Amino acid sequence: MTRFRTVFAGGLEVFYREAGEPGAPKLLLLGGFPSSSHQFRNLMPALANRFHLVSFDYPGFGNTEMPDPREWDYTFDHLAEIVDEALLAIDFTGPMGLYLQDYGGPIGNRLISLHPDWLRWQIIQNANTYEEGFTEAWDSIRHVFWSNRTADTEALVEAFLEPETVKAIYLSGHPDPTRISPDNWNIDLHFLARPNAHRVQLDLFYDYRTNAERYVAWQARLRRDQPKTLIFWGQGDMLFSPAGGEAYLRDLPDAKLVPLDSGHFALEDCLADIVAGINSFYDENVK
C-alpha cells in the first residue's frame, strides 16, 4: 500500500509517496516535467513487495508548496538541495537504487555528487545526459532562450506550458493513445494553472542550461565509477531522442539498454515490462 506524507525541508512542506517496508532495499524515484510523484502511482505498489520506495513532489510541482519565484530560486541546485534535506529528514539514506526520469536525471546526479556512497545501482528512463539526446523540441530553449532571456524569448518557451503541448508530451510516441489516462495531463494542467506556476517552469527551463554544462562531468563520473545501470528508453519521446539512451553505452558498456515502443512517460503503457525488467536486473546484478 502507498502512503501519502509530508515532511518539512528547507522551510517548505514537501509532499511524498512511500511504499514498501523499511528495511527492504531502498529505491528512490525521481521524476520530471510536467508531472510529479503521480507518475509513479502504479510503479510503487507493483514493486512494494521487495523494495522500500519514496518519491517526492519538488517545490512548485504537485502537492508540494510553491513559494513565490520572486523570493525563492527555482534552480536544479535548489531542487536537489530540498530533496536531499527531505531524504535526511525521513532517514531515507545510505546505499540505494535511483530511478531517474527527465528532471530526475539532473537532480539525481546532484544527489550522487553529494553522497556518492548512496548510489548502489540506477535505473535511467528517458533522462538525458548527452548532447545528442536533445530533440528539435529543445531548439527554441537551447539556441534562443538560453542565449538571451527576454519577454520575447520567454513567449517562445511558454508554448511548452500550453494544454495541447502538455497533452502531447504524454501521447507522443505511444502506439495506442487510448492506454494513456487523460488524468495525467489534466492533473498537471491543474497545477500549472496556479499563480506563478508558469514563472516557476520558465525559471527551470532557463536553469536547465546548467545541466547541459555538467554533462561532460557526469559522463566522466559514469566512466570512472561504472555504476550498475538499467536503461529504459521510450523511443518516441518528443523531448529526448533514442540516441540519448544509446549514448550511455559509450561510458557504461556493461549497462543494459531496453528500448521501449513508448514515449516520454513509458510507465503509462509499459509498466509490466519495466517492473519485470527491474526485478530481473536486481536479481541478476545487484542482489
Protein backbone atom coordinates (compact mmCIF):
# COMPACT_ATOMS: atom_id res chain seq x y z
CA MET A 1 0.00 0.00 0.00
CA THR A 2 1.21 3.51 -0.84
CA ARG A 3 1.24 6.09 1.96
CA PHE A 4 0.94 9.84 1.34
CA ARG A 5 3.02 12.02 3.67
CA THR A 6 4.64 15.41 4.07
CA VAL A 7 7.97 16.45 5.56
CA PHE A 8 9.49 19.87 6.22
CA ALA A 9 12.67 20.60 4.27
CA GLY A 10 14.22 23.97 3.57
CA GLY A 11 11.32 25.62 5.33
CA LEU A 12 8.79 24.04 2.93
CA GLU A 13 6.14 21.38 3.38
CA VAL A 14 7.23 18.71 0.90
CA PHE A 15 4.79 16.01 -0.22
CA TYR A 16 5.97 12.47 -0.87
CA ARG A 17 4.68 8.98 -1.55
CA GLU A 18 6.09 5.96 0.23
CA ALA A 19 5.53 2.25 -0.40
CA GLY A 20 7.09 -0.97 0.81
CA GLU A 21 8.58 -1.62 4.21
CA PRO A 22 11.57 0.00 5.94
CA GLY A 23 14.42 -2.47 5.93
CA ALA A 24 13.79 -3.55 2.34
CA PRO A 25 16.25 -2.37 -0.33
CA LYS A 26 15.72 1.35 -0.94
CA LEU A 27 14.64 2.71 -4.32
CA LEU A 28 14.29 6.50 -4.76
CA LEU A 29 12.06 7.56 -7.66
CA LEU A 30 12.89 10.96 -9.19
CA GLY A 31 10.54 12.13 -11.92
CA GLY A 32 10.28 15.11 -14.21
CA PHE A 33 8.40 17.77 -16.12
CA PRO A 34 5.50 18.33 -16.24
CA SER A 35 4.49 15.68 -13.72
CA SER A 36 5.04 14.90 -10.04
CA SER A 37 5.24 11.75 -7.94
CA HIS A 38 1.87 10.97 -9.51
CA GLN A 39 3.76 9.46 -12.44
CA PHE A 40 4.95 6.64 -10.14
CA ARG A 41 1.48 5.85 -8.76
CA ASN A 42 1.38 2.45 -10.50
CA LEU A 43 5.06 1.52 -10.24
CA MET A 44 5.23 1.91 -6.46
CA PRO A 45 2.64 -0.73 -5.48
CA ALA A 46 4.00 -3.04 -8.20
CA LEU A 47 7.45 -3.04 -6.54
CA ALA A 48 6.41 -2.65 -2.90
CA ASN A 49 6.72 -6.36 -2.16
CA ARG A 50 10.51 -6.18 -2.42
CA PHE A 51 11.63 -2.53 -2.24
CA HIS A 52 11.15 0.42 0.10
CA LEU A 53 10.19 3.22 -2.28
CA VAL A 54 9.98 7.00 -1.91
CA SER A 55 9.09 9.71 -4.42
CA PHE A 56 8.83 13.46 -3.76
CA ASP A 57 6.95 16.29 -5.42
CA TYR A 58 9.54 19.01 -6.00
CA PRO A 59 8.81 22.60 -4.91
CA GLY A 60 6.45 24.06 -7.50
CA PHE A 61 5.23 20.61 -8.57
CA GLY A 62 2.24 18.57 -7.47
CA ASN A 63 1.27 18.77 -3.82
CA THR A 64 4.44 20.41 -2.51
CA GLU A 65 4.45 24.10 -1.66
CA MET A 66 5.23 26.57 -4.42
CA PRO A 67 6.96 29.62 -2.92
CA ASP A 68 6.89 32.85 -4.90
CA PRO A 69 9.65 32.71 -7.58
CA ARG A 70 10.44 36.37 -6.83
CA GLU A 71 11.63 35.21 -3.40
CA TRP A 72 12.73 31.61 -3.99
CA ASP A 73 15.24 30.45 -6.62
CA TYR A 74 13.87 27.72 -8.87
CA THR A 75 17.11 26.07 -9.93
CA PHE A 76 18.12 22.45 -10.16
CA ASP A 77 20.70 23.03 -7.43
CA HIS A 78 17.93 24.26 -5.15
CA LEU A 79 15.53 21.41 -6.00
CA ALA A 80 18.28 18.87 -5.29
CA GLU A 81 19.02 20.62 -2.01
CA ILE A 82 15.38 20.28 -0.93
CA VAL A 83 15.24 16.62 -1.93
CA ASP A 84 18.47 15.99 -0.04
CA GLU A 85 17.13 17.68 3.12
CA ALA A 86 13.86 15.74 2.82
CA LEU A 87 15.70 12.43 2.50
CA LEU A 88 17.78 13.20 5.57
CA ALA A 89 14.66 14.26 7.48
CA ILE A 90 12.87 10.95 6.83
CA ASP A 91 16.11 8.94 7.23
CA PHE A 92 15.94 7.55 3.73
CA THR A 93 19.70 7.45 3.26
CA GLY A 94 22.55 5.05 2.62
CA PRO A 95 23.02 2.64 -0.29
CA MET A 96 20.00 2.69 -2.59
CA GLY A 97 18.80 2.44 -6.15
CA LEU A 98 17.83 5.60 -8.03
CA TYR A 99 15.16 5.71 -10.74
CA LEU A 100 15.91 8.77 -12.86
CA GLN A 101 13.34 10.14 -15.33
CA ASP A 102 13.64 13.51 -17.13
CA TYR A 103 14.32 16.18 -14.43
CA GLY A 104 15.12 13.29 -12.11
CA GLY A 105 18.37 12.86 -14.03
CA PRO A 106 19.98 16.20 -13.14
CA ILE A 107 18.51 16.15 -9.65
CA GLY A 108 19.75 12.60 -9.10
CA ASN A 109 23.20 13.40 -10.45
CA ARG A 110 23.49 16.24 -7.97
CA LEU A 111 22.48 13.91 -5.12
CA ILE A 112 25.07 11.38 -6.23
CA SER A 113 27.73 14.11 -6.24
CA LEU A 114 26.76 14.96 -2.64
CA HIS A 115 26.53 11.33 -1.50
CA PRO A 116 28.47 9.05 -3.86
CA ASP A 117 28.17 6.20 -1.36
CA TRP A 118 24.37 6.25 -1.68
CA LEU A 119 24.34 5.03 -5.29
CA ARG A 120 24.16 1.25 -5.33
CA TRP A 121 22.51 0.99 -8.76
CA GLN A 122 20.44 3.13 -11.10
CA ILE A 123 17.54 2.94 -13.49
CA ILE A 124 17.56 5.57 -16.22
CA GLN A 125 14.29 6.18 -18.06
CA ASN A 126 14.35 8.97 -20.64
CA ALA A 127 16.71 11.07 -18.52
CA ASN A 128 19.22 12.82 -20.74
CA THR A 129 22.95 13.26 -20.06
CA TYR A 130 24.21 13.64 -23.64
CA GLU A 131 24.10 16.40 -26.23
CA GLU A 132 22.68 14.10 -28.88
CA GLY A 133 19.74 13.28 -26.66
CA PHE A 134 18.06 16.65 -27.27
CA THR A 135 15.32 16.56 -29.89
CA GLU A 136 14.33 19.52 -32.08
CA ALA A 137 11.69 20.38 -29.47
CA TRP A 138 14.52 21.95 -27.46
CA ASP A 139 15.74 24.29 -30.22
CA SER A 140 13.92 27.41 -29.03
CA ILE A 141 15.15 26.77 -25.48
CA ARG A 142 18.76 25.86 -26.19
CA HIS A 143 19.55 28.21 -29.06
CA VAL A 144 17.36 31.19 -28.23
CA PHE A 145 16.13 31.28 -24.64
CA TRP A 146 19.40 30.21 -23.00
CA SER A 147 21.31 32.80 -25.02
CA ASN A 148 19.03 35.73 -24.31
CA ARG A 149 16.22 35.54 -21.76
CA THR A 150 13.73 38.29 -22.55
CA ALA A 151 9.96 38.65 -22.60
CA ASP A 152 10.02 37.74 -26.29
CA THR A 153 12.10 34.58 -25.85
CA GLU A 154 10.04 33.58 -22.82
CA ALA A 155 6.97 33.78 -25.04
CA LEU A 156 8.50 31.14 -27.32
CA VAL A 157 9.03 28.78 -24.40
CA GLU A 158 5.54 29.39 -22.99
CA ALA A 159 4.31 27.01 -25.69
CA PHE A 160 5.61 24.11 -23.60
CA LEU A 161 3.12 25.04 -20.88
CA GLU A 162 0.03 25.20 -23.08
CA PRO A 163 -2.60 22.44 -22.69
CA GLU A 164 -2.04 20.89 -26.12
CA THR A 165 1.74 20.65 -25.59
CA VAL A 166 1.40 19.12 -22.12
CA LYS A 167 -1.03 16.60 -23.58
CA ALA A 168 1.34 15.91 -26.48
CA ILE A 169 4.22 15.13 -24.11
CA TYR A 170 2.10 12.30 -22.72
CA LEU A 171 0.77 11.00 -26.03
CA SER A 172 3.69 11.39 -28.47
CA GLY A 173 5.37 8.12 -29.29
CA HIS A 174 2.78 5.92 -27.65
CA PRO A 175 1.36 3.47 -30.22
CA ASP A 176 -2.06 3.27 -28.55
CA PRO A 177 -3.11 6.64 -27.06
CA THR A 178 -6.19 5.03 -25.51
CA ARG A 179 -3.90 3.44 -22.94
CA ILE A 180 -2.78 6.84 -21.62
CA SER A 181 -5.12 8.26 -18.99
CA PRO A 182 -6.14 11.90 -19.52
CA ASP A 183 -5.92 12.25 -15.73
CA ASN A 184 -2.18 12.74 -16.29
CA TRP A 185 -2.27 15.97 -18.24
CA ASN A 186 -5.41 17.24 -16.51
CA ILE A 187 -3.68 16.97 -13.12
CA ASP A 188 -0.57 18.68 -14.48
CA LEU A 189 -2.63 21.45 -16.06
CA HIS A 190 -4.44 21.97 -12.76
CA PHE A 191 -1.12 22.64 -11.02
CA LEU A 192 0.18 24.72 -13.95
CA ALA A 193 -2.86 27.00 -13.64
CA ARG A 194 -1.81 28.21 -10.18
CA PRO A 195 -0.50 31.76 -9.78
CA ASN A 196 3.24 31.93 -10.57
CA ALA A 197 3.33 28.35 -11.88
CA HIS A 198 4.41 29.36 -15.38
CA ARG A 199 7.13 31.59 -13.95
CA VAL A 200 8.43 28.63 -11.94
CA GLN A 201 8.66 26.45 -15.04
CA LEU A 202 10.27 29.18 -17.13
CA ASP A 203 12.92 29.61 -14.43
CA LEU A 204 13.65 25.88 -14.54
CA PHE A 205 13.74 25.80 -18.36
CA TYR A 206 16.30 28.58 -18.20
CA ASP A 207 18.33 26.87 -15.48
CA TYR A 208 18.37 23.61 -17.44
CA ARG A 209 21.41 25.07 -19.23
CA THR A 210 23.38 24.33 -16.04
CA ASN A 211 22.60 20.65 -16.53
CA ALA A 212 23.91 20.63 -20.09
CA GLU A 213 27.06 22.35 -18.83
CA ARG A 214 27.63 19.46 -16.41
CA TYR A 215 27.06 16.65 -18.88
CA VAL A 216 30.79 16.15 -19.50
CA ALA A 217 31.49 15.88 -15.76
CA TRP A 218 28.60 13.47 -15.21
CA GLN A 219 29.75 11.34 -18.13
CA ALA A 220 33.25 11.24 -16.65
CA ARG A 221 31.83 10.01 -13.34
CA LEU A 222 29.94 7.25 -15.15
CA ARG A 223 33.14 6.12 -16.89
CA ARG A 224 35.06 6.20 -13.62
CA ASP A 225 32.57 4.55 -11.29
CA GLN A 226 30.73 2.19 -13.68
CA PRO A 227 27.51 2.04 -11.62
CA LYS A 228 25.23 -0.88 -12.30
CA THR A 229 22.75 0.61 -14.72
CA LEU A 230 19.48 -0.41 -16.34
CA ILE A 231 18.22 1.89 -19.09
CA PHE A 232 14.63 2.03 -20.32
CA TRP A 233 14.07 4.40 -23.21
CA GLY A 234 10.76 5.29 -24.82
CA GLN A 235 11.76 5.53 -28.47
CA GLY A 236 9.05 8.02 -29.42
CA ASP A 237 9.84 10.61 -26.71
CA MET A 238 9.27 14.09 -28.18
CA LEU A 239 11.86 15.58 -25.77
CA PHE A 240 14.75 13.09 -25.71
CA SER A 241 15.84 11.04 -28.71
CA PRO A 242 16.76 7.34 -28.83
CA ALA A 243 20.35 8.48 -29.39
CA GLY A 244 20.31 9.88 -25.86
CA GLY A 245 19.67 6.43 -24.45
CA GLU A 246 22.22 4.72 -26.69
CA ALA A 247 24.89 7.27 -25.74
CA TYR A 248 25.08 5.90 -22.20
CA LEU A 249 26.62 2.71 -23.58
CA ARG A 250 29.74 4.65 -24.61
CA ASP A 251 30.51 5.28 -20.96
CA LEU A 252 28.72 2.26 -19.46
CA PRO A 253 29.42 -0.66 -21.80
CA ASP A 254 28.01 -3.15 -19.29
CA ALA A 255 24.72 -1.30 -18.84
CA LYS A 256 21.53 -2.93 -20.06
CA LEU A 257 19.54 -0.85 -22.56
CA VAL A 258 15.89 -1.75 -23.11
CA PRO A 259 14.25 0.21 -25.97
CA LEU A 260 10.52 0.59 -25.44
CA ASP A 261 7.78 1.21 -28.01
CA SER A 262 6.61 4.16 -25.95
CA GLY A 263 7.18 7.84 -25.25
CA HIS A 264 8.37 10.17 -22.51
CA PHE A 265 6.18 8.60 -19.83
CA ALA A 266 6.82 4.95 -20.59
CA LEU A 267 5.32 3.78 -17.28
CA GLU A 268 1.90 4.63 -18.68
CA ASP A 269 1.87 1.80 -21.23
CA CYS A 270 4.97 -0.31 -20.46
CA LEU A 271 4.53 -0.79 -16.72
CA ALA A 272 4.66 -4.59 -16.84
CA ASP A 273 7.84 -4.59 -18.94
CA ILE A 274 9.53 -2.09 -16.65
CA VAL A 275 8.55 -3.92 -13.46
CA ALA A 276 9.75 -7.25 -14.84
CA GLY A 277 12.96 -5.64 -16.08
CA ILE A 278 13.70 -4.02 -12.73
CA ASN A 279 13.10 -7.25 -10.82
CA SER A 280 15.25 -9.38 -13.11
CA PHE A 281 18.07 -6.80 -13.28
CA TYR A 282 18.11 -6.52 -9.49
CA ASP A 283 18.22 -10.30 -9.09
CA GLU A 284 20.96 -10.79 -11.65
CA ASN A 285 23.18 -7.77 -11.00
CA VAL A 286 22.52 -6.16 -7.61
CA LYS A 287 21.07 -8.57 -5.06
